[in-house]
């Protein structure tokens, strides 16, 4: 049987165009679906720029953000341009988007279409590169109710132009691309993911705080501190009297034997004069009795009594002369005069044994701290002390606790006095540049404890005291 040969007839141009349109439509659907299913806007943008060539011929594709400082969102294959946002190419992109960023329709950008009055040197170099670069600018509409945030940037080199049909095709595609870059589902997933992370952070914060509170540290007590003289020479009033003149000033350096103050000696001098007259009278009477004693038995019997009277009068003179010598009070040590109110002493009556002033070696000082009663017991003798003086708060000096008092007194704080116990400390360095009277703040490092107790010990104590009525 003779084979029947059939000859395929040539297809009509309309059929070929329909097949090509179906192919492009299928590719558009595949690209849009892939972009819409991307996990993030960055991945959606990478899919678009790397697969846009399946729809239309282009030498380079980019997505340009319109409302961000970032100039290139993603680019086909050229990772160096993406990483270098200050590259001249990125500068050119920035200059072009300033001109065409508000356009709502596709734009054909060439070196001729760029306005001449615009200062865009990098953009002009870009449009003249590789034999002439033609750019097709496609705004990407976002979801309903949002303004455009991105634009599609397509380049053709060697001065190859873009056509109207290509512009229309990409305009239809831009709806899907813009939706992929602003997919509400992705934003909702990102928001839910952030909420989950926020709840995880919130739940992990108490555990983190608990771990921080368990860190072992030294207990620290802060207290006001004052520099005091160490073992000063105390000058007491030698006898009752009135101070006539103070020969020194507070802070003055004196040597041993220097006059510190003088008594008013007018009363002493009068008493001494009367005592000397009494001695003369007693001696005269004694001489009379001794002369009459040869004949008068009574006169001879009174002679021993009169001798005692003479000795008493002479003793009174010696005593008053010694008191007169002691009216000039001299220093028994070398050092600096420590005196609070010199004006209050001049002309005031002094009693025997009354403390008048102190003379201290300025190089021998110690610290006196006023520690709150609630903090006593956290530290012991020998624990370290770190002090900062108000005159130089940036410099810190080291000391150690030497004595802890027992009596509770009200502190000398001007604003908020508090019940306190006096604590003394000595310097570890003997040549500390401080002087008696300086004030500041000190910190005592006590026994081992936990950081949480350092932070919340007083708060816990207050709450325990408030809840004490409930038996807690």
Protein backbone atom coordinates (compact mmCIF):
# COMPACT_ATOMS: atom_id res chain seq x y z
CA UNK A 1 0.00 0.00 0.00
CA UNK A 2 1.46 3.25 -1.09
CA UNK A 3 2.25 5.48 1.81
CA UNK A 4 0.44 8.72 1.78
CA UNK A 5 2.81 11.58 2.45
CA UNK A 6 1.39 14.66 4.13
CA UNK A 7 2.98 18.06 3.98
CA UNK A 8 2.69 20.42 6.95
CA UNK A 9 1.16 23.69 5.95
CA UNK A 10 2.80 26.95 7.12
CA UNK A 11 1.07 28.62 10.06
CA UNK A 12 -0.47 32.04 9.73
CA UNK A 13 1.21 35.04 11.44
CA UNK A 14 -1.77 35.51 13.75
CA UNK A 15 -1.31 31.96 15.05
CA UNK A 16 2.40 32.57 15.75
CA UNK A 17 1.66 35.81 17.63
CA UNK A 18 -0.99 34.05 19.72
CA UNK A 19 1.48 31.29 20.68
CA UNK A 20 4.15 33.88 21.61
CA UNK A 21 1.62 35.81 23.71
CA UNK A 22 0.60 32.61 25.50
CA UNK A 23 4.26 31.82 26.22
CA UNK A 24 4.94 35.29 27.65
CA UNK A 25 1.70 35.12 29.68
CA UNK A 26 2.74 31.74 31.11
CA UNK A 27 6.17 33.08 32.03
CA UNK A 28 4.58 36.15 33.62
CA UNK A 29 2.30 33.92 35.71
CA UNK A 30 5.25 31.76 36.80
CA UNK A 31 7.35 34.80 37.74
CA UNK A 32 4.49 36.47 39.62
CA UNK A 33 3.63 33.30 41.54
CA UNK A 34 7.27 32.76 42.48
CA UNK A 35 7.60 36.37 43.70
CA UNK A 36 4.33 36.24 45.65
CA UNK A 37 5.39 33.03 47.41
CA UNK A 38 8.77 34.43 48.45
CA UNK A 39 9.45 34.47 52.18
CA UNK A 40 10.48 38.12 52.34
CA UNK A 41 10.45 41.29 50.19
CA UNK A 42 14.20 40.89 49.65
CA UNK A 43 13.78 37.40 48.20
CA UNK A 44 10.82 38.54 46.11
CA UNK A 45 12.91 41.38 44.67
CA UNK A 46 15.80 39.01 43.90
CA UNK A 47 13.44 36.68 42.00
CA UNK A 48 12.04 39.57 39.95
CA UNK A 49 15.38 41.10 38.87
CA UNK A 50 17.02 37.74 38.12
CA UNK A 51 14.10 36.29 36.11
CA UNK A 52 12.76 39.39 34.36
CA UNK A 53 14.82 38.44 31.30
CA UNK A 54 12.34 35.58 30.65
CA UNK A 55 9.76 38.25 29.80
CA UNK A 56 11.87 40.87 28.09
CA UNK A 57 15.46 41.33 27.00
CA UNK A 58 17.50 43.49 29.37
CA UNK A 59 21.18 43.87 30.23
CA UNK A 60 20.64 44.79 33.88
CA UNK A 61 17.62 44.88 36.20
CA UNK A 62 17.24 46.59 39.54
CA UNK A 63 14.62 47.53 42.09
CA UNK A 64 15.11 51.04 43.47
CA UNK A 65 13.54 52.12 46.79
CA UNK A 66 11.85 55.53 46.56
CA UNK A 67 11.44 56.45 50.25
CA UNK A 68 14.55 55.02 51.87
CA UNK A 69 18.12 56.17 52.35
CA UNK A 70 19.16 52.93 50.73
CA UNK A 71 19.61 53.59 47.01
CA UNK A 72 19.53 50.07 45.56
CA UNK A 73 17.19 47.43 46.95
CA UNK A 74 18.43 44.57 44.77
CA UNK A 75 20.20 44.14 41.43
CA UNK A 76 20.55 41.27 38.99
CA UNK A 77 23.84 39.53 39.70
CA UNK A 78 25.91 42.62 40.59
CA UNK A 79 26.40 42.11 44.32
CA UNK A 80 29.26 44.65 44.49
CA UNK A 81 26.88 47.48 43.61
CA UNK A 82 24.45 46.36 46.27
CA UNK A 83 27.11 46.28 48.98
CA UNK A 84 28.61 49.66 48.04
CA UNK A 85 25.77 52.14 48.37
CA UNK A 86 28.22 55.09 48.03
CA UNK A 87 29.56 53.80 44.71
CA UNK A 88 29.34 56.27 41.77
CA UNK A 89 26.76 53.93 40.21
CA UNK A 90 24.61 54.20 43.36
CA UNK A 91 25.04 57.99 43.22
CA UNK A 92 23.75 57.95 39.64
CA UNK A 93 20.73 55.90 40.72
CA UNK A 94 20.06 58.44 43.47
CA UNK A 95 20.22 61.36 41.04
CA UNK A 96 17.77 59.72 38.60
CA UNK A 97 15.26 58.73 41.25
CA UNK A 98 15.22 62.35 42.51
CA UNK A 99 14.03 63.37 39.03
CA UNK A 100 11.64 60.52 38.21
CA UNK A 101 10.73 59.21 41.68
CA UNK A 102 7.29 60.85 41.71
CA UNK A 103 6.26 59.76 38.22
CA UNK A 104 3.28 57.38 38.12
CA UNK A 105 3.75 56.24 34.50
CA UNK A 106 6.65 54.36 32.84
CA UNK A 107 9.50 56.60 31.70
CA UNK A 108 12.11 56.20 28.94
CA UNK A 109 15.34 57.67 30.30
CA UNK A 110 18.17 58.54 27.91
CA UNK A 111 20.91 61.13 27.92
CA UNK A 112 18.67 63.28 25.72
CA UNK A 113 15.58 62.97 27.97
CA UNK A 114 17.42 63.90 31.15
CA UNK A 115 16.66 67.60 31.87
CA UNK A 116 19.63 69.79 31.11
CA UNK A 117 19.05 72.06 34.10
CA UNK A 118 19.48 69.18 36.55
CA UNK A 119 22.92 68.77 38.13
CA UNK A 120 23.40 65.00 37.77
CA UNK A 121 27.01 64.31 36.76
CA UNK A 122 27.00 60.63 37.77
CA UNK A 123 23.68 59.99 35.98
CA UNK A 124 24.98 61.54 32.74
CA UNK A 125 28.12 59.40 32.87
CA UNK A 126 25.94 56.33 33.39
CA UNK A 127 23.70 57.14 30.42
CA UNK A 128 26.77 57.65 28.20
CA UNK A 129 28.50 54.43 29.31
CA UNK A 130 28.70 51.12 27.35
CA UNK A 131 27.84 52.78 24.06
CA UNK A 132 24.79 54.56 25.46
CA UNK A 133 22.50 53.25 28.21
CA UNK A 134 18.74 53.40 27.81
CA UNK A 135 16.70 52.98 31.00
CA UNK A 136 13.09 51.93 31.33
CA UNK A 137 11.66 53.23 34.61
CA UNK A 138 8.54 51.33 35.80
CA UNK A 139 6.83 52.49 39.07
CA UNK A 140 5.58 49.51 41.06
CA UNK A 141 2.12 50.12 42.55
CA UNK A 142 1.73 48.69 46.04
CA UNK A 143 -1.31 47.16 47.68
CA UNK A 144 -4.52 49.16 47.87
CA UNK A 145 -4.28 52.23 50.06
CA UNK A 146 -0.47 52.47 49.92
CA UNK A 147 1.81 54.74 47.95
CA UNK A 148 4.52 53.35 45.72
CA UNK A 149 7.75 52.47 47.54
CA UNK A 150 9.73 50.89 44.69
CA UNK A 151 10.45 51.28 40.98
CA UNK A 152 11.72 48.72 38.47
CA UNK A 153 14.90 49.84 36.68
CA UNK A 154 15.77 48.09 33.39
CA UNK A 155 18.88 48.89 31.32
CA UNK A 156 19.77 48.27 27.68
CA UNK A 157 23.27 49.01 26.48
CA UNK A 158 24.75 50.05 23.12
CA UNK A 159 21.96 52.56 22.66
CA UNK A 160 19.26 49.91 22.08
CA UNK A 161 15.86 51.57 22.54
CA UNK A 162 12.79 50.44 24.45
CA UNK A 163 9.42 49.99 22.75
CA UNK A 164 5.91 50.95 23.73
CA UNK A 165 4.74 47.31 23.69
CA UNK A 166 7.46 46.39 26.17
CA UNK A 167 6.48 49.30 28.36
CA UNK A 168 2.81 48.19 28.34
CA UNK A 169 3.74 44.59 29.17
CA UNK A 170 5.85 45.66 32.12
CA UNK A 171 3.15 48.10 33.29
CA UNK A 172 0.73 45.15 33.58
CA UNK A 173 3.39 43.07 35.32
CA UNK A 174 4.21 45.85 37.78
CA UNK A 175 0.93 45.27 39.62
CA UNK A 176 2.02 41.75 40.59
CA UNK A 177 5.58 42.83 41.36
CA UNK A 178 4.45 45.65 43.64
CA UNK A 179 2.07 43.32 45.45
CA UNK A 180 4.89 40.79 45.94
CA UNK A 181 7.13 43.45 47.48
CA UNK A 182 4.38 44.52 49.91
CA UNK A 183 2.63 41.21 50.52
CA UNK A 184 0.32 41.70 53.56
CA UNK A 185 0.77 38.05 54.44
CA UNK A 186 4.52 38.52 54.77
CA UNK A 187 4.02 41.62 56.91
CA UNK A 188 1.51 39.79 59.07
CA UNK A 189 3.89 36.85 59.46
CA UNK A 190 6.75 39.22 60.28
CA UNK A 191 4.54 41.01 62.82
CA UNK A 192 3.52 37.71 64.40
CA UNK A 193 7.15 36.64 64.45
CA UNK A 194 8.13 39.89 66.16
CA UNK A 195 5.34 39.42 68.70
CA UNK A 196 6.58 35.94 69.45
CA UNK A 197 10.12 37.24 69.86
CA UNK A 198 8.81 40.02 72.10
CA UNK A 199 6.99 37.54 74.31
CA UNK A 200 10.09 35.36 74.42
CA UNK A 201 12.15 38.36 75.49
CA UNK A 202 9.55 39.29 78.08
CA UNK A 203 9.50 35.77 79.49
CA UNK A 204 13.29 35.51 79.46
CA UNK A 205 13.82 38.85 81.26
CA UNK A 206 12.92 37.57 84.78
CA UNK A 207 15.29 34.64 84.31
CA UNK A 208 18.02 36.97 83.12
CA UNK A 209 17.40 39.31 86.07
CA UNK A 210 17.51 36.35 88.47
CA UNK A 211 20.84 35.22 87.07
CA UNK A 212 22.21 38.76 87.40
CA UNK A 213 20.99 38.95 91.00
CA UNK A 214 22.86 35.74 91.85
CA UNK A 215 26.26 37.16 90.90
CA UNK A 216 28.54 37.07 93.99
CA UNK A 217 29.82 40.51 95.03
CA UNK A 218 31.04 42.33 98.11
CA UNK A 219 28.42 44.19 100.15
CA UNK A 220 28.84 47.95 99.74
CA UNK A 221 27.82 50.65 102.20
CA UNK A 222 27.98 54.33 101.28
CA UNK A 223 28.29 56.92 104.05
CA UNK A 224 29.36 60.55 104.56
CA UNK A 225 32.95 60.90 105.73
CA UNK A 226 35.09 63.58 107.35
CA UNK A 227 38.87 63.80 107.72
CA UNK A 228 39.84 64.02 111.39
CA UNK A 229 43.23 64.53 113.08
CA UNK A 230 44.80 61.34 114.36
CA UNK A 231 45.99 61.50 117.99
CA UNK A 232 46.02 65.29 118.35
CA UNK A 233 47.39 67.19 121.37
CA UNK A 234 44.43 68.43 123.42
CA UNK A 235 44.82 71.80 125.14
CA UNK A 236 42.66 72.12 128.28
CA UNK A 237 42.11 75.17 130.47
CA UNK A 238 44.68 74.99 133.33
CA UNK A 239 42.50 76.96 135.81
CA UNK A 240 39.35 78.99 136.04
CA UNK A 241 39.50 82.38 134.43
CA UNK A 242 38.64 84.55 131.48
CA UNK A 243 40.48 84.35 128.16
CA UNK A 244 41.90 87.76 127.35
CA UNK A 245 43.62 87.11 124.01
CA UNK A 246 43.89 84.27 121.49
CA UNK A 247 47.37 84.30 119.95
CA UNK A 248 46.75 81.77 117.14
CA UNK A 249 44.27 81.27 114.33
CA UNK A 250 42.62 78.06 113.08
CA UNK A 251 44.93 76.22 110.70
CA UNK A 252 48.03 78.08 111.91
CA UNK A 253 51.18 75.99 112.29
CA UNK A 254 52.75 76.25 115.78
CA UNK A 255 55.83 74.79 117.42
CA UNK A 256 56.21 73.33 120.88
CA UNK A 257 56.38 76.17 123.43
CA UNK A 258 54.57 78.78 121.31
CA UNK A 259 51.93 80.85 123.18
CA UNK A 260 48.38 79.80 122.27
CA UNK A 261 46.26 82.12 124.44
CA UNK A 262 46.43 84.35 127.53
CA UNK A 263 44.22 84.72 130.60
CA UNK A 264 42.98 88.02 131.97
CA UNK A 265 45.43 88.44 134.91
CA UNK A 266 43.99 91.51 136.62
CA UNK A 267 42.29 89.49 139.35
CA UNK A 268 45.39 87.33 139.84
CA UNK A 269 47.65 90.34 140.11
CA UNK A 270 45.37 91.91 142.74
CA UNK A 271 45.23 88.67 144.69
CA UNK A 272 49.02 88.33 144.46
CA UNK A 273 49.51 91.88 145.75
CA UNK A 274 47.19 91.21 148.66
CA UNK A 275 48.95 87.94 149.40
CA UNK A 276 52.36 89.64 149.48
CA UNK A 277 50.99 92.24 151.91
CA UNK A 278 49.66 89.41 154.01
CA UNK A 279 53.15 87.86 154.11
CA UNK A 280 54.63 91.16 155.26
CA UNK A 281 51.98 91.56 157.97
CA UNK A 282 52.50 87.97 159.13
CA UNK A 283 56.27 88.42 159.35
CA UNK A 284 55.89 91.69 161.27
CA UNK A 285 53.59 90.01 163.75
CA UNK A 286 56.02 87.11 164.08
CA UNK A 287 58.91 89.52 164.82
CA UNK A 288 56.81 91.31 167.47
CA UNK A 289 55.91 88.05 169.17
CA UNK A 290 59.51 86.85 169.14
CA UNK A 291 60.61 90.19 170.78
CA UNK A 292 57.88 90.06 173.41
CA UNK A 293 58.41 86.40 174.08
CA UNK A 294 61.28 87.00 176.47
CA UNK A 295 58.95 88.58 179.02
CA UNK A 296 55.44 87.56 177.91
CA UNK A 297 54.54 83.87 178.27
CA UNK A 298 51.42 84.25 176.02
CA UNK A 299 53.43 85.90 173.24
CA UNK A 300 55.97 83.08 173.40
CA UNK A 301 53.17 80.52 173.10
CA UNK A 302 51.71 82.19 169.94
CA UNK A 303 55.05 82.16 168.07
CA UNK A 304 54.59 78.60 166.49
CA UNK A 305 51.10 79.51 165.32
CA UNK A 306 52.36 82.72 163.74
CA UNK A 307 55.15 80.87 161.94
CA UNK A 308 52.51 78.63 160.39
CA UNK A 309 50.59 81.74 159.34
CA UNK A 310 53.72 83.12 157.64
CA UNK A 311 54.28 79.82 155.80
CA UNK A 312 50.62 79.81 154.68
CA UNK A 313 50.89 83.39 153.38
CA UNK A 314 54.12 82.57 151.55
CA UNK A 315 52.54 79.44 150.03
CA UNK A 316 49.62 81.54 148.80
CA UNK A 317 52.07 83.94 147.14
CA UNK A 318 53.90 81.05 145.47
CA UNK A 319 50.61 79.59 144.24
CA UNK A 320 49.43 82.89 142.82
CA UNK A 321 52.82 83.50 141.18
CA UNK A 322 52.61 80.07 139.54
CA UNK A 323 49.09 80.79 138.37
CA UNK A 324 50.29 84.06 136.94
CA UNK A 325 53.05 82.24 135.06
CA UNK A 326 50.52 79.74 133.71
CA UNK A 327 48.29 82.54 132.44
CA UNK A 328 50.27 82.33 129.18
CA UNK A 329 49.24 78.92 127.85
CA UNK A 330 51.83 77.38 125.56
CA UNK A 331 51.62 74.51 123.07
CA UNK A 332 52.89 71.14 124.21
CA UNK A 333 53.27 69.77 120.67
CA UNK A 334 54.06 70.82 117.14
CA UNK A 335 51.33 70.94 114.53
CA UNK A 336 48.31 72.79 113.16
CA UNK A 337 45.78 74.54 115.39
CA UNK A 338 42.30 73.03 115.14
CA UNK A 339 39.66 75.41 116.43
CA UNK A 340 36.03 75.79 115.34
CA UNK A 341 34.99 79.27 116.55
CA UNK A 342 37.81 81.51 117.81
CA UNK A 343 35.54 84.53 118.32
CA UNK A 344 33.44 82.63 120.84
CA UNK A 345 36.47 82.01 123.08
CA UNK A 346 37.80 85.55 123.46
CA UNK A 347 36.37 87.09 126.64
CA UNK A 348 34.55 83.88 127.63
CA UNK A 349 34.99 82.27 131.07
CA UNK A 350 37.01 79.04 131.10
CA UNK A 351 36.65 76.28 133.63
CA UNK A 352 39.45 74.06 134.77
CA UNK A 353 39.74 71.06 132.41
CA UNK A 354 37.65 72.63 129.64
CA UNK A 355 38.82 71.68 126.10
CA UNK A 356 39.91 74.86 124.35
CA UNK A 357 41.63 73.72 121.14
CA UNK A 358 43.70 70.95 119.58
CA UNK A 359 47.12 70.87 117.95
CA UNK A 360 47.48 68.12 115.37
CA UNK A 361 50.05 66.90 112.90
CA UNK A 362 48.48 67.57 109.44
CA UNK A 363 50.18 64.47 108.08
CA UNK A 364 48.52 62.23 110.65
CA UNK A 365 44.81 62.01 109.85
CA UNK A 366 42.04 59.44 109.93
CA UNK A 367 38.51 59.06 108.59
CA UNK A 368 35.30 59.32 110.56
CA UNK A 369 32.26 57.80 108.84
CA UNK A 370 28.62 58.14 109.82
CA UNK A 371 27.23 54.73 108.87
CA UNK A 372 23.45 54.17 108.94
CA UNK A 373 22.35 51.91 111.77
CA UNK A 374 20.70 49.51 109.31
CA UNK A 375 24.09 48.84 107.68
CA UNK A 376 26.02 48.03 110.86
CA UNK A 377 26.98 44.37 110.93
CA UNK A 378 27.57 44.05 107.19
CA UNK A 379 31.23 44.92 107.64
CA UNK A 380 33.89 44.41 110.29
CA UNK A 381 37.20 45.87 111.39
CA UNK A 382 39.84 45.55 108.70
CA UNK A 383 37.43 45.79 105.75
CA UNK A 384 38.50 48.14 102.92
CA UNK A 385 37.22 51.71 102.64
CA UNK A 386 37.34 53.85 99.49
CA UNK A 387 36.88 57.60 100.04
CA UNK A 388 36.41 60.55 97.67
CA UNK A 389 36.71 64.09 98.98
CA UNK A 390 34.36 66.86 97.85
CA UNK A 391 37.36 69.04 96.96
CA UNK A 392 38.44 66.47 94.33
CA UNK A 393 35.64 63.96 93.66
CA UNK A 394 37.57 62.23 90.85
CA UNK A 395 40.41 61.03 93.11
CA UNK A 396 39.89 58.00 95.35
CA UNK A 397 41.87 57.07 98.50
CA UNK A 398 42.08 53.68 100.19
CA UNK A 399 41.73 52.99 103.91
CA UNK A 400 40.58 50.26 106.28
CA UNK A 401 38.14 50.12 109.18
CA UNK A 402 39.84 50.37 112.59
CA UNK A 403 36.97 50.99 115.01
CA UNK A 404 33.20 50.57 115.00
CA UNK A 405 31.24 52.56 117.58
CA UNK A 406 28.24 51.47 119.63
CA UNK A 407 26.34 54.67 120.43
CA UNK A 408 23.62 55.75 118.01
CA UNK A 409 23.63 59.45 117.11
CA UNK A 410 21.91 61.63 114.57
CA UNK A 411 24.13 62.24 111.53
CA UNK A 412 25.32 65.70 110.54
CA UNK A 413 23.72 65.56 107.09
CA UNK A 414 22.13 68.93 106.35
CA UNK A 415 19.20 67.71 104.25
CA UNK A 416 18.22 64.33 105.69
CA UNK A 417 19.83 63.47 109.03
CA UNK A 418 19.60 59.76 109.90
CA UNK A 419 20.45 57.54 112.90
CA UNK A 420 24.08 56.56 112.53
CA UNK A 421 27.05 54.92 114.20
CA UNK A 422 30.53 56.43 114.10
CA UNK A 423 33.14 54.33 112.31
CA UNK A 424 36.84 55.21 112.13
CA UNK A 425 39.28 54.18 109.42
CA UNK A 426 42.99 54.68 108.84
CA UNK A 427 44.73 55.37 105.55
CA UNK A 428 46.62 52.62 103.78
CA UNK A 429 48.93 55.23 102.28
CA UNK A 430 50.55 57.45 104.91
CA UNK A 431 51.10 60.36 102.48
CA UNK A 432 47.48 61.10 101.55
CA UNK A 433 47.09 64.74 100.36
CA UNK A 434 44.16 65.66 102.64
CA UNK A 435 43.77 68.03 105.58
CA UNK A 436 41.59 67.79 108.71
CA UNK A 437 38.07 69.05 108.18
CA UNK A 438 37.62 67.93 104.58
CA UNK A 439 34.39 66.09 103.83
CA UNK A 440 33.27 63.65 101.18
CA UNK A 441 31.68 60.25 100.60
CA UNK A 442 33.11 56.83 101.36
CA UNK A 443 32.23 53.27 100.40
CA UNK A 444 32.89 50.29 102.68
CA UNK A 445 33.23 46.85 101.12
CA UNK A 446 31.86 44.31 103.55
CA UNK A 447 31.17 40.60 103.57
CA UNK A 448 30.36 38.43 100.54
CA UNK A 449 26.78 38.65 99.30
CA UNK A 450 24.70 38.56 96.10
CA UNK A 451 24.19 41.43 93.70
CA UNK A 452 20.43 41.20 94.16
CA UNK A 453 20.76 41.87 97.89
CA UNK A 454 22.96 44.89 97.17
CA UNK A 455 20.22 46.30 94.92
CA UNK A 456 17.07 45.32 96.81
CA UNK A 457 18.11 44.79 100.46
CA UNK A 458 16.66 48.06 101.74
CA UNK A 459 13.50 47.70 99.67
CA UNK A 460 12.98 44.16 101.01
CA UNK A 461 13.55 45.43 104.56
CA UNK A 462 10.97 48.20 104.14
CA UNK A 463 8.38 45.79 102.81
CA UNK A 464 9.14 43.33 105.61
CA UNK A 465 8.58 46.08 108.17
CA UNK A 466 5.31 47.12 106.52
CA UNK A 467 4.07 43.54 106.45
CA UNK A 468 5.25 42.82 109.98
CA UNK A 469 1.78 43.40 111.37
CA UNK A 470 0.58 40.42 109.31
CA UNK A 471 3.01 38.11 111.04
CA UNK A 472 5.38 37.78 108.08
